[in-house]
Amino acid sequence: MFVKICGVTNIKDAYACTEAGADAIGLNFYPKSKRYITFDDAASIVREVSAYVTTVAVMVQPSIKDIVAALDSTEVDAVQVYEPKFSVSDFDFRKSLYYSVRVRTAGDVAEASKLGADLIFLDAYKDDEFGGTGTLSNWDEIGKSGVDLSSRFVISGGLNDQNVCNAIRYLKPYGVDTASGVEETPRKKDHDKVRRFISNAKLCA
């Protein structure tokens, strides 16, 4: 079970995630996010933990120019995008490409399955917000899609240590992702919640 902890803003939290067994951590470069960090701060985190965990740049509606800037400044391992301003064929950076799709209907999942991304994150839909809302994604619509989620689909949106097992058992995804579900505040992780979330996800897989 692939587990990503998103919205990491400091090295202490990054270490806690890696020590707890996270497979990836998300570094948010969307300026409107409560968890936004600068390229310089992200680069410091990447230097410290990249040998132990996949570091992911999370971006909203980026252009190829935006991607280049993020990669040049931080040397992250992967890029996760909401509604990018480029096609997959334009992405040629020898980095992993993840798509985030805000799910309203089963049709959104079916369309997402056609995307040529390494991983596809199925998130909750909320007007004008992109991830980290604490809103539970629409499991019923995701399930109704009939798409096999076990190879490259990651469930995000409203997950925490209490409900992650239910999501895994119901949807049988490749992975799970959380941000607000393991926080004390939007910029500080609760390390006990991080450990429980990762442990529960791995055990329930």
C-alpha atoms as a PDB file:
ATOM      1  CA  MET A   1       0.000   0.000   0.000  1.00  0.00           C
ATOM      2  CA  PHE A   2       1.450   3.304  -1.172  1.00  0.00           C
ATOM      3  CA  VAL A   3       1.009   6.032   1.471  1.00  0.00           C
ATOM      4  CA  LYS A   4       1.604   9.727   0.873  1.00  0.00           C
ATOM      5  CA  ILE A   5       1.496  12.452   3.512  1.00  0.00           C
ATOM      6  CA  CYS A   6       0.791  15.784   1.867  1.00  0.00           C
ATOM      7  CA  GLY A   7       1.229  19.369   2.961  1.00  0.00           C
ATOM      8  CA  VAL A   8       4.579  18.918   4.700  1.00  0.00           C
ATOM      9  CA  THR A   9       6.021  22.348   5.513  1.00  0.00           C
ATOM     10  CA  ASN A  10       9.045  21.695   7.734  1.00  0.00           C
ATOM     11  CA  ILE A  11      11.890  19.275   8.214  1.00  0.00           C
ATOM     12  CA  LYS A  12      10.702  17.987  11.590  1.00  0.00           C
ATOM     13  CA  ASP A  13       7.435  16.812  10.071  1.00  0.00           C
ATOM     14  CA  ALA A  14       9.250  15.406   7.051  1.00  0.00           C
ATOM     15  CA  TYR A  15      11.417  13.278   9.325  1.00  0.00           C
ATOM     16  CA  ALA A  16       8.364  12.096  11.273  1.00  0.00           C
ATOM     17  CA  CYS A  17       6.684  10.975   8.058  1.00  0.00           C
ATOM     18  CA  THR A  18       9.728   9.096   6.797  1.00  0.00           C
ATOM     19  CA  GLU A  19      10.366   7.433  10.151  1.00  0.00           C
ATOM     20  CA  ALA A  20       6.724   6.315  10.273  1.00  0.00           C
ATOM     21  CA  GLY A  21       7.078   4.625   6.900  1.00  0.00           C
ATOM     22  CA  ALA A  22       5.551   7.069   4.419  1.00  0.00           C
ATOM     23  CA  ASP A  23       6.302   6.259   0.805  1.00  0.00           C
ATOM     24  CA  ALA A  24       5.979   9.890  -0.287  1.00  0.00           C
ATOM     25  CA  ILE A  25       5.548  13.397   1.088  1.00  0.00           C
ATOM     26  CA  GLY A  26       3.870  16.293  -0.695  1.00  0.00           C
ATOM     27  CA  LEU A  27       5.343  19.806  -0.817  1.00  0.00           C
ATOM     28  CA  ASN A  28       2.670  22.310  -1.791  1.00  0.00           C
ATOM     29  CA  PHE A  29       3.610  25.072  -4.231  1.00  0.00           C
ATOM     30  CA  TYR A  30       0.084  26.450  -4.672  1.00  0.00           C
ATOM     31  CA  PRO A  31       0.208  30.005  -3.248  1.00  0.00           C
ATOM     32  CA  LYS A  32      -3.428  29.935  -2.093  1.00  0.00           C
ATOM     33  CA  SER A  33      -2.896  26.812  -0.017  1.00  0.00           C
ATOM     34  CA  LYS A  34      -2.636  26.984   3.764  1.00  0.00           C
ATOM     35  CA  ARG A  35       0.311  24.622   3.379  1.00  0.00           C
ATOM     36  CA  TYR A  36       2.199  26.581   0.730  1.00  0.00           C
ATOM     37  CA  ILE A  37       5.969  26.620   1.015  1.00  0.00           C
ATOM     38  CA  THR A  38       8.652  28.335  -1.034  1.00  0.00           C
ATOM     39  CA  PHE A  39      11.021  26.549  -3.355  1.00  0.00           C
ATOM     40  CA  ASP A  40      13.897  27.346  -0.998  1.00  0.00           C
ATOM     41  CA  ASP A  41      12.161  25.757   1.993  1.00  0.00           C
ATOM     42  CA  ALA A  42      11.160  22.764  -0.104  1.00  0.00           C
ATOM     43  CA  ALA A  43      14.715  22.324  -1.363  1.00  0.00           C
ATOM     44  CA  SER A  44      15.973  22.151   2.221  1.00  0.00           C
ATOM     45  CA  ILE A  45      13.478  19.386   2.998  1.00  0.00           C
ATOM     46  CA  VAL A  46      14.308  17.474  -0.185  1.00  0.00           C
ATOM     47  CA  ARG A  47      18.028  17.537   0.596  1.00  0.00           C
ATOM     48  CA  GLU A  48      17.415  16.016   4.003  1.00  0.00           C
ATOM     49  CA  VAL A  49      14.921  13.247   3.188  1.00  0.00           C
ATOM     50  CA  SER A  50      15.017  12.401  -0.517  1.00  0.00           C
ATOM     51  CA  ALA A  51      17.094   9.280   0.097  1.00  0.00           C
ATOM     52  CA  TYR A  52      14.338   7.825   2.270  1.00  0.00           C
ATOM     53  CA  VAL A  53      11.060   8.937   0.670  1.00  0.00           C
ATOM     54  CA  THR A  54       9.660  10.173  -2.643  1.00  0.00           C
ATOM     55  CA  THR A  55       9.356  13.961  -2.597  1.00  0.00           C
ATOM     56  CA  VAL A  56       6.439  15.357  -4.573  1.00  0.00           C
ATOM     57  CA  ALA A  57       5.813  18.889  -5.831  1.00  0.00           C
ATOM     58  CA  VAL A  58       2.070  19.589  -5.617  1.00  0.00           C
ATOM     59  CA  MET A  59       0.948  22.251  -8.099  1.00  0.00           C
ATOM     60  CA  VAL A  60      -2.349  23.694  -9.346  1.00  0.00           C
ATOM     61  CA  GLN A  61      -2.893  24.497 -13.025  1.00  0.00           C
ATOM     62  CA  PRO A  62       0.842  24.725 -13.727  1.00  0.00           C
ATOM     63  CA  SER A  63       2.414  25.414 -17.085  1.00  0.00           C
ATOM     64  CA  ILE A  64       5.521  23.626 -18.323  1.00  0.00           C
ATOM     65  CA  LYS A  65       7.457  26.766 -17.344  1.00  0.00           C
ATOM     66  CA  ASP A  66       6.135  26.420 -13.779  1.00  0.00           C
ATOM     67  CA  ILE A  67       7.216  22.782 -13.690  1.00  0.00           C
ATOM     68  CA  VAL A  68      10.697  23.650 -14.901  1.00  0.00           C
ATOM     69  CA  ALA A  69      11.046  26.272 -12.172  1.00  0.00           C
ATOM     70  CA  ALA A  70       9.971  23.817  -9.471  1.00  0.00           C
ATOM     71  CA  LEU A  71      12.300  21.069 -10.652  1.00  0.00           C
ATOM     72  CA  ASP A  72      15.279  23.371 -11.105  1.00  0.00           C
ATOM     73  CA  SER A  73      14.796  24.863  -7.644  1.00  0.00           C
ATOM     74  CA  THR A  74      13.978  21.808  -5.564  1.00  0.00           C
ATOM     75  CA  GLU A  75      15.038  18.568  -7.306  1.00  0.00           C
ATOM     76  CA  VAL A  76      11.863  16.787  -6.204  1.00  0.00           C
ATOM     77  CA  ASP A  77      11.285  13.223  -7.392  1.00  0.00           C
ATOM     78  CA  ALA A  78       7.766  13.689  -8.766  1.00  0.00           C
ATOM     79  CA  VAL A  79       5.244  16.330  -9.781  1.00  0.00           C
ATOM     80  CA  GLN A  80       1.560  16.128  -8.805  1.00  0.00           C
ATOM     81  CA  VAL A  81      -0.750  18.446 -10.745  1.00  0.00           C
ATOM     82  CA  TYR A  82      -4.341  19.637 -10.569  1.00  0.00           C
ATOM     83  CA  GLU A  83      -5.749  20.712 -13.938  1.00  0.00           C
ATOM     84  CA  PRO A  84      -2.402  21.293 -15.668  1.00  0.00           C
ATOM     85  CA  LYS A  85      -1.960  23.640 -18.600  1.00  0.00           C
ATOM     86  CA  PHE A  86      -0.088  21.004 -20.606  1.00  0.00           C
ATOM     87  CA  SER A  87      -0.632  17.505 -21.968  1.00  0.00           C
ATOM     88  CA  VAL A  88       1.148  14.398 -20.777  1.00  0.00           C
ATOM     89  CA  SER A  89       3.085  14.266 -24.040  1.00  0.00           C
ATOM     90  CA  ASP A  90       4.651  17.625 -23.123  1.00  0.00           C
ATOM     91  CA  PHE A  91       6.007  16.263 -19.844  1.00  0.00           C
ATOM     92  CA  ASP A  92       9.536  15.004 -20.496  1.00  0.00           C
ATOM     93  CA  PHE A  93      11.541  15.563 -17.348  1.00  0.00           C
ATOM     94  CA  ARG A  94      12.483  11.999 -16.339  1.00  0.00           C
ATOM     95  CA  LYS A  95      10.382  12.516 -13.244  1.00  0.00           C
ATOM     96  CA  SER A  96       7.189  10.788 -12.175  1.00  0.00           C
ATOM     97  CA  LEU A  97       3.976  12.600 -13.108  1.00  0.00           C
ATOM     98  CA  TYR A  98       0.922  12.360 -10.843  1.00  0.00           C
ATOM     99  CA  TYR A  99      -2.511  13.761 -11.690  1.00  0.00           C
ATOM    100  CA  SER A 100      -5.064  14.891  -9.107  1.00  0.00           C
ATOM    101  CA  VAL A 101      -8.700  14.732 -10.172  1.00  0.00           C
ATOM    102  CA  ARG A 102     -11.507  16.280  -8.156  1.00  0.00           C
ATOM    103  CA  VAL A 103     -14.280  13.693  -8.383  1.00  0.00           C
ATOM    104  CA  ARG A 104     -17.927  14.627  -8.733  1.00  0.00           C
ATOM    105  CA  THR A 105     -19.247  11.620 -10.661  1.00  0.00           C
ATOM    106  CA  ALA A 106     -18.233   8.113 -11.668  1.00  0.00           C
ATOM    107  CA  GLY A 107     -17.581   9.528 -15.116  1.00  0.00           C
ATOM    108  CA  ASP A 108     -14.743  11.643 -13.732  1.00  0.00           C
ATOM    109  CA  VAL A 109     -13.010   8.474 -12.582  1.00  0.00           C
ATOM    110  CA  ALA A 110     -13.543   6.777 -15.935  1.00  0.00           C
ATOM    111  CA  GLU A 111     -12.030   9.784 -17.711  1.00  0.00           C
ATOM    112  CA  ALA A 112      -9.151   9.873 -15.254  1.00  0.00           C
ATOM    113  CA  SER A 113      -8.341   6.253 -16.064  1.00  0.00           C
ATOM    114  CA  LYS A 114      -7.426   7.367 -19.594  1.00  0.00           C
ATOM    115  CA  LEU A 115      -4.760   9.769 -18.358  1.00  0.00           C
ATOM    116  CA  GLY A 116      -1.192   8.725 -19.040  1.00  0.00           C
ATOM    117  CA  ALA A 117       0.108   9.552 -15.586  1.00  0.00           C
ATOM    118  CA  ASP A 118       2.169   7.367 -13.289  1.00  0.00           C
ATOM    119  CA  LEU A 119      -0.355   7.794 -10.466  1.00  0.00           C
ATOM    120  CA  ILE A 120      -3.844   9.292 -10.386  1.00  0.00           C
ATOM    121  CA  PHE A 121      -5.137  10.838  -7.154  1.00  0.00           C
ATOM    122  CA  LEU A 122      -8.915  10.874  -6.678  1.00  0.00           C
ATOM    123  CA  ASP A 123      -9.756  13.855  -4.490  1.00  0.00           C
ATOM    124  CA  ALA A 124     -12.913  15.492  -3.149  1.00  0.00           C
ATOM    125  CA  TYR A 125     -14.547  18.175  -5.250  1.00  0.00           C
ATOM    126  CA  LYS A 126     -14.947  21.580  -3.628  1.00  0.00           C
ATOM    127  CA  ASP A 127     -15.436  24.820  -5.542  1.00  0.00           C
ATOM    128  CA  ASP A 128     -12.242  26.848  -5.907  1.00  0.00           C
ATOM    129  CA  GLU A 129     -10.258  24.585  -3.578  1.00  0.00           C
ATOM    130  CA  PHE A 130      -7.649  22.024  -4.520  1.00  0.00           C
ATOM    131  CA  GLY A 131      -6.844  19.438  -1.877  1.00  0.00           C
ATOM    132  CA  GLY A 132      -6.340  19.687   1.865  1.00  0.00           C
ATOM    133  CA  THR A 133      -9.972  20.623   2.512  1.00  0.00           C
ATOM    134  CA  GLY A 134     -10.766  17.759   4.872  1.00  0.00           C
ATOM    135  CA  THR A 135     -13.787  16.931   2.708  1.00  0.00           C
ATOM    136  CA  LEU A 136     -14.329  13.237   2.119  1.00  0.00           C
ATOM    137  CA  SER A 137     -14.076  12.184  -1.515  1.00  0.00           C
ATOM    138  CA  ASN A 138     -17.157  10.570  -3.040  1.00  0.00           C
ATOM    139  CA  TRP A 139     -16.457   6.895  -2.438  1.00  0.00           C
ATOM    140  CA  ASP A 140     -19.788   5.769  -3.881  1.00  0.00           C
ATOM    141  CA  GLU A 141     -19.194   7.507  -7.205  1.00  0.00           C
ATOM    142  CA  ILE A 142     -15.620   6.241  -7.276  1.00  0.00           C
ATOM    143  CA  GLY A 143     -16.860   2.705  -6.644  1.00  0.00           C
ATOM    144  CA  LYS A 144     -19.618   2.967  -9.246  1.00  0.00           C
ATOM    145  CA  SER A 145     -17.073   3.815 -11.921  1.00  0.00           C
ATOM    146  CA  GLY A 146     -16.081   0.165 -12.221  1.00  0.00           C
ATOM    147  CA  VAL A 147     -12.462   1.193 -12.683  1.00  0.00           C
ATOM    148  CA  ASP A 148      -9.807  -1.125 -11.236  1.00  0.00           C
ATOM    149  CA  LEU A 149      -8.091   1.139  -8.714  1.00  0.00           C
ATOM    150  CA  SER A 150      -5.439  -1.310  -7.611  1.00  0.00           C
ATOM    151  CA  SER A 151      -2.666  -0.429 -10.040  1.00  0.00           C
ATOM    152  CA  ARG A 152      -2.179   3.370 -10.037  1.00  0.00           C
ATOM    153  CA  PHE A 153      -5.076   5.073  -8.246  1.00  0.00           C
ATOM    154  CA  VAL A 154      -4.619   6.839  -4.915  1.00  0.00           C
ATOM    155  CA  ILE A 155      -7.579   7.862  -2.740  1.00  0.00           C
ATOM    156  CA  SER A 156      -7.326  11.285  -1.111  1.00  0.00           C
ATOM    157  CA  GLY A 157      -9.789  13.709   0.433  1.00  0.00           C
ATOM    158  CA  GLY A 158     -10.832  13.599   4.081  1.00  0.00           C
ATOM    159  CA  LEU A 159      -8.855  10.517   5.076  1.00  0.00           C
ATOM    160  CA  ASN A 160      -7.587  10.041   8.617  1.00  0.00           C
ATOM    161  CA  ASP A 161      -6.412   7.221  10.853  1.00  0.00           C
ATOM    162  CA  GLN A 162     -10.025   6.369  11.738  1.00  0.00           C
ATOM    163  CA  ASN A 163     -11.451   5.939   8.234  1.00  0.00           C
ATOM    164  CA  VAL A 164      -8.479   4.946   6.082  1.00  0.00           C
ATOM    165  CA  CYS A 165      -9.123   1.227   6.549  1.00  0.00           C
ATOM    166  CA  ASN A 166     -12.718   1.641   5.421  1.00  0.00           C
ATOM    167  CA  ALA A 167     -11.538   3.408   2.265  1.00  0.00           C
ATOM    168  CA  ILE A 168      -9.000   0.693   1.510  1.00  0.00           C
ATOM    169  CA  ARG A 169     -11.430  -2.170   2.076  1.00  0.00           C
ATOM    170  CA  TYR A 170     -14.207  -0.533   0.057  1.00  0.00           C
ATOM    171  CA  LEU A 171     -12.230   0.782  -2.906  1.00  0.00           C
ATOM    172  CA  LYS A 172      -9.089  -1.416  -2.944  1.00  0.00           C
ATOM    173  CA  PRO A 173      -6.816   1.326  -4.287  1.00  0.00           C
ATOM    174  CA  TYR A 174      -3.123   1.290  -5.008  1.00  0.00           C
ATOM    175  CA  GLY A 175      -2.592   3.934  -2.344  1.00  0.00           C
ATOM    176  CA  VAL A 176      -3.944   6.571   0.029  1.00  0.00           C
ATOM    177  CA  ASP A 177      -3.059  10.199   0.678  1.00  0.00           C
ATOM    178  CA  THR A 178      -3.816  12.631   3.490  1.00  0.00           C
ATOM    179  CA  ALA A 179      -2.985  16.160   4.608  1.00  0.00           C
ATOM    180  CA  SER A 180      -5.502  17.650   7.055  1.00  0.00           C
ATOM    181  CA  GLY A 181      -6.269  14.232   8.548  1.00  0.00           C
ATOM    182  CA  VAL A 182      -2.898  14.079  10.329  1.00  0.00           C
ATOM    183  CA  GLU A 183      -2.501  17.692  11.439  1.00  0.00           C
ATOM    184  CA  GLU A 184      -2.466  19.745  14.599  1.00  0.00           C
ATOM    185  CA  THR A 185      -2.749  22.865  12.424  1.00  0.00           C
ATOM    186  CA  PRO A 186      -2.501  23.288   8.619  1.00  0.00           C
ATOM    187  CA  ARG A 187       1.265  23.810   8.918  1.00  0.00           C
ATOM    188  CA  LYS A 188       2.088  21.309  11.641  1.00  0.00           C
ATOM    189  CA  LYS A 189       1.610  17.554  11.570  1.00  0.00           C
ATOM    190  CA  ASP A 190       0.458  15.533  14.565  1.00  0.00           C
ATOM    191  CA  HIS A 191       3.148  12.872  14.627  1.00  0.00           C
ATOM    192  CA  ASP A 192       1.003  10.351  16.500  1.00  0.00           C
ATOM    193  CA  LYS A 193      -1.724  10.694  13.873  1.00  0.00           C
ATOM    194  CA  VAL A 194       0.879  10.310  11.136  1.00  0.00           C
ATOM    195  CA  ARG A 195       2.118   7.060  12.669  1.00  0.00           C
ATOM    196  CA  ARG A 196      -1.403   5.694  13.174  1.00  0.00           C
ATOM    197  CA  PHE A 197      -2.491   6.634   9.657  1.00  0.00           C
ATOM    198  CA  ILE A 198       0.462   4.940   8.016  1.00  0.00           C
ATOM    199  CA  SER A 199       0.309   1.898  10.267  1.00  0.00           C
ATOM    200  CA  ASN A 200      -3.427   1.415   9.719  1.00  0.00           C
ATOM    201  CA  ALA A 201      -3.105   1.850   5.956  1.00  0.00           C
ATOM    202  CA  LYS A 202      -0.309  -0.699   5.698  1.00  0.00           C
ATOM    203  CA  LEU A 203      -2.066  -3.219   7.938  1.00  0.00           C
ATOM    204  CA  CYS A 204      -5.416  -2.932   6.174  1.00  0.00           C
ATOM    205  CA  ALA A 205      -4.021  -3.372   2.687  1.00  0.00           C
END
